[in-house]
Amino acid sequence: MASRAADDFRLTVLNPGGRDPEQHFRDGAGPVEQRHPPVNFHGYAACARGSFHQDTQRAIMEETPVLLLLRGDFRSSERALGELKKHGQTVAVSLKETGLHQIAQQLCIPAKLARFMKIVAQADGCIATTPEAAEIYRGARGKRDPATVAFIPPPYPLEDRQWNFSVPPDQQSGIFVGTREWDVPSRNHFAALLVARQLCEASGEPASVVNLDGRRPGRLFSELKFPDGKLRLIEKRKPYADYLREVAKHKIVLQLDRSRVPGQVAGDALLCRMVCAGGDGAIERIAFPRTCGEGRTIDEITSIAQELLNNVDSRGAVVAESQGRALERISFRAVREQLAEFFARIAL
C-alpha cells in the first residue's frame, strides 16, 4: 500500500521570489541536459514527478502538497505560507541553506529569527536535509508532535541509467578535491589541498581543484608548491553533466568539510560511481560511513585516501557498498516513499 501511495504522490517545491524558473519533472529525473539538474531541492520535486516554482499562485494551481523554502529575509516565504494555507494546501517548510554555518548566519538577526519561529510554528511540518537541521526545527516547534519534523535527505537519480557517469577504473587517475570556497572556514579547503599535495607526493597521482574565484586563489595555489605538473585547475564553470563527467575521470573525491551540509559532494560521487573520502555531510554519513570524516582525524582520512588510490579492489568494495546504501536511503524511489509517508502523516 505504501508503495502504491508513493507512486501516486506528487510534490510542488516553492522557492518564492527565487531566481530559478518554473520547472516540471513529469518524467522524473528527465534528460541530463536540462535547465536545473534534479538535485538538491529540485531533486525532491523530480523524485515525486512534481514541479519547482518561484510564483506562489502557480504553485497553488498544482493542487499538490508543497515544500516551501525559506530564503532571504523570509518575508516572501511568510506571505507564501499564508496564501497556501488559505487555499487548503498541506505545507512543509525547509531552510534553503542548511549547513550549520548557514543556519547560524541566517538566524542571528532578531527580526529574521522571529519570522522563522512564526513560520515553523504555523507550517504543517518541516523537512530537514540534515539530522542537525531536524533538531533545530523540532526545538523551534516546541511541544508540537515531533513526528511532524523529518530528516529526508536530498534524493539522487541513481536508478536512472542516463545519470550513471561511471568511468572504467583503468581510465581513472588522480584526486578530485570536491570542495571550494576559501572564505568558508568549515570547508577546510586549504587543509584538503595540503592533504592532496601529500597524496600526490606519495603516490605520484595528480590532483584537480575547481577555482571559480579568480586570481587571488590562483596565487594561493602557487604557494602550495604541488609537484610539477600534478595540480590541475578547473577555472571555467561547466553544466552539471559536464562537471560530473570531469569528476568521474578521477579515482577518488577528497574533502575535509565539517559544515554538516546535506552533502552534494558525496551525491556527485555517487552519480559518478566513485568513492568520497572525508566530509561530514548527511549523504557522506549515509553512503560512505567507512570513508567519511565523521569521527576521523585528518591523518586517518589521509591514510584512507592513500589506500583507495593504491588499491582498485578497495575502491570497488566501497563503491559497491555506497551504491547499495544509497539505493535504500537516497534514491528517487526511496525518497519518494519517505515524502509520501511524511505528507500523509502531517495532513491528518
Foldseek 3Di string as FASTA:
>chain_A
DLLVLLLQAAEEEEEAPDDDAKDFQQVQQDALDDDDGLWQPSVLRRLSRYMYHRDLVVRLVSVHAYEYEADDLRPRSLVSVVVCVVSPHQYAYDYSFDFPVVVCVQCPDPSSVVSVLVVLCPHLAYEYQFPVRLVVSDVSNPPPDSLRYYHAHIFDALVDVSLQLADPPVQAFAEEALDDPPPPVLQVSVVQVLLSLVLCVVPVTAYEYEDQPPDPVVVVVVVSDRPPPRYHYDHDDDRPVVVLNVNNRHQEYETAHPRQGSDVSVVSCLSHLHYYAEDDYRLCCQQPVPGYNVPHDPVVNSVVVNCSNVDVVVGNVSSVRSNVRSVCRRHSSNSSSVVSVSSVVSSD
